[in-house]
Every structure is written in structure tokens, then in C-alpha cells.
Protein backbone atom coordinates (compact mmCIF):
# COMPACT_ATOMS: atom_id res chain seq x y z
CA UNK A 1 -21.91 46.02 -64.67
CA UNK A 2 -24.78 43.57 -64.28
CA UNK A 3 -25.78 41.17 -67.02
CA UNK A 4 -29.31 40.25 -68.03
CA UNK A 5 -29.90 36.57 -68.74
CA UNK A 6 -32.40 34.95 -71.07
CA UNK A 7 -34.40 33.96 -67.97
CA UNK A 8 -34.49 37.61 -66.81
CA UNK A 9 -35.82 38.67 -70.23
CA UNK A 10 -38.49 35.94 -70.15
CA UNK A 11 -39.74 37.09 -66.76
CA UNK A 12 -39.73 40.76 -67.77
CA UNK A 13 -41.56 40.17 -71.06
CA UNK A 14 -44.03 37.85 -69.36
CA UNK A 15 -44.84 40.52 -66.78
CA UNK A 16 -45.23 43.19 -69.50
CA UNK A 17 -47.40 41.14 -71.87
CA UNK A 18 -49.44 38.87 -69.63
CA UNK A 19 -48.20 35.82 -71.54
CA UNK A 20 -46.98 32.85 -69.54
CA UNK A 21 -43.25 32.47 -69.04
CA UNK A 22 -43.37 29.21 -71.04
CA UNK A 23 -44.96 30.99 -74.01
CA UNK A 24 -42.41 33.82 -73.86
CA UNK A 25 -39.52 31.36 -73.49
CA UNK A 26 -40.74 29.38 -76.54
CA UNK A 27 -40.99 32.54 -78.68
CA UNK A 28 -37.60 33.82 -77.55
CA UNK A 29 -36.00 30.42 -78.16
CA UNK A 30 -37.52 30.23 -81.67
CA UNK A 31 -36.26 33.74 -82.40
CA UNK A 32 -32.71 32.82 -81.37
CA UNK A 33 -32.82 29.54 -83.31
CA UNK A 34 -34.00 31.34 -86.46
CA UNK A 35 -31.33 34.05 -86.18
CA UNK A 36 -28.70 31.33 -85.68
CA UNK A 37 -29.98 29.32 -88.66
CA UNK A 38 -29.89 32.33 -90.99
CA UNK A 39 -26.39 33.29 -89.89
CA UNK A 40 -25.23 29.69 -90.34
CA UNK A 41 -26.47 29.94 -93.96
CA UNK A 42 -24.41 33.12 -94.42
CA UNK A 43 -27.53 35.31 -94.45
CA UNK A 44 -27.52 38.62 -92.60
CA UNK A 45 -30.21 39.41 -90.05
CA UNK A 46 -31.41 43.01 -89.84
CA UNK A 47 -33.52 44.22 -86.91
CA UNK A 48 -34.46 47.82 -87.75
CA UNK A 49 -33.39 50.38 -85.16
CA UNK A 50 -31.69 47.65 -83.10
CA UNK A 51 -28.88 46.45 -85.35
CA UNK A 52 -27.71 43.89 -87.85
CA UNK A 53 -25.87 40.60 -87.59
CA UNK A 54 -23.70 39.32 -90.41
CA UNK A 55 -21.09 36.66 -90.96
CA UNK A 56 -17.60 37.52 -92.13
CA UNK A 57 -14.55 35.42 -92.85
CA UNK A 58 -11.34 36.56 -91.18
CA UNK A 59 -8.07 36.46 -93.08
CA UNK A 60 -5.51 33.81 -92.19
CA UNK A 61 -2.68 35.33 -90.20
CA UNK A 62 0.46 34.53 -88.28
CA UNK A 63 0.29 34.84 -84.51
CA UNK A 64 2.74 34.30 -81.68
CA UNK A 65 2.72 31.69 -78.95
CA UNK A 66 2.55 33.64 -75.66
CA UNK A 67 4.67 31.00 -73.92
CA UNK A 68 7.32 31.10 -76.65
CA UNK A 69 7.11 34.47 -78.52
CA UNK A 70 9.77 33.39 -80.97
CA UNK A 71 7.51 30.62 -82.27
CA UNK A 72 5.15 31.65 -85.09
CA UNK A 73 1.72 30.00 -85.12
CA UNK A 74 -0.49 29.91 -88.22
CA UNK A 75 -4.03 31.10 -87.49
CA UNK A 76 -6.39 29.88 -90.23
CA UNK A 77 -9.22 31.91 -91.75
CA UNK A 78 -12.51 31.43 -89.95
CA UNK A 79 -16.09 32.62 -90.04
CA UNK A 80 -17.21 35.00 -87.28
CA UNK A 81 -20.44 36.84 -86.46
CA UNK A 82 -20.30 40.63 -86.44
CA UNK A 83 -22.93 42.92 -84.91
CA UNK A 84 -23.48 46.48 -86.04
CA UNK A 85 -25.74 48.50 -83.74
CA UNK A 86 -28.62 50.46 -85.25
CA UNK A 87 -29.25 54.18 -84.90
CA UNK A 88 -31.66 54.01 -81.95
CA UNK A 89 -29.45 51.55 -80.03
CA UNK A 90 -26.40 53.78 -80.58
CA UNK A 91 -28.31 56.80 -79.28
CA UNK A 92 -29.54 54.96 -76.16
CA UNK A 93 -26.06 53.66 -75.35
CA UNK A 94 -24.50 57.06 -76.03
CA UNK A 95 -26.64 58.40 -73.15
CA UNK A 96 -24.44 56.31 -70.82
CA UNK A 97 -21.39 58.41 -71.73
CA UNK A 98 -20.28 60.82 -69.04
CA UNK A 99 -21.20 64.42 -69.72
CA UNK A 100 -18.26 66.59 -70.83
CA UNK A 101 -16.84 68.77 -68.07
CA UNK A 102 -16.24 72.41 -68.88
CA UNK A 103 -12.86 73.63 -67.72
CA UNK A 104 -12.12 77.32 -67.42
CA UNK A 105 -8.69 78.28 -68.64
CA UNK A 106 -7.43 81.66 -67.59
CA UNK A 107 -5.82 83.95 -70.13
CA UNK A 108 -2.61 83.81 -68.08
CA UNK A 109 -2.33 80.05 -68.32
CA UNK A 110 0.42 78.92 -70.66
CA UNK A 111 0.31 75.72 -72.59
CA UNK A 112 3.64 74.38 -73.65
CA UNK A 113 4.18 71.62 -76.13
CA UNK A 114 7.55 69.98 -76.28
CA UNK A 115 8.72 68.65 -79.61
CA UNK A 116 10.56 65.35 -79.54
């Protein structure tokens, strides 16, 4: 799966709009800085039909050290950013799902389920 970088987006938007790459980069950078600033102030950011970003605080929990599984490690509560995709984004991504395959099952086929 290929990734698209900020630079790739700048070039694509520049080609589509006729704006210079510097202008597009400045707008994109300001957009990202503003989203970051709002999230840092615990304000959600909603982009209709794309999705929403919000901050949440995780609960403190006890984890295990992978090198010494018997050793418990305290993991403190921390703030994280969560993204919830919007309706249109979900629908576009859902189109990537493989199409279901229809399987014919003959009447003679037996399905057995073993109880444990």
C-alpha cells in the first residue's frame, strides 16, 4: 500500500487549482497548525463528510514488560487523539472491500458442527 505525503498533496492540489506550490503548502501548513492548536486546547475538530478529531484521556492501567512478563509496569493515563471517519469517507473506503463471493451449496452437502 502506497502512502501519500504532504508534498504529494501540495503538488496535486497545485496542479488542480493553478495556485503555486508555495501557496498551497502555506495553506495546508496553516490548516494542520490550526487543527493541532484546537486539539491541544481539548477542542474537537469536525470536517463534515470527512470525519472528526477529538482528544480523549486513556485510563491508567497495568501492563507487562515483554522482556520480563512477571514484572508489572504502571502505564499512566494520557491524552490521545482519536479520529472518527465521516459518512462519505466510510462509503469511499468501503468500496475497497472485496466483493462477496457466492458459493453454491448442493442439497446433498452436509454441514456438521461438533460440540466441545
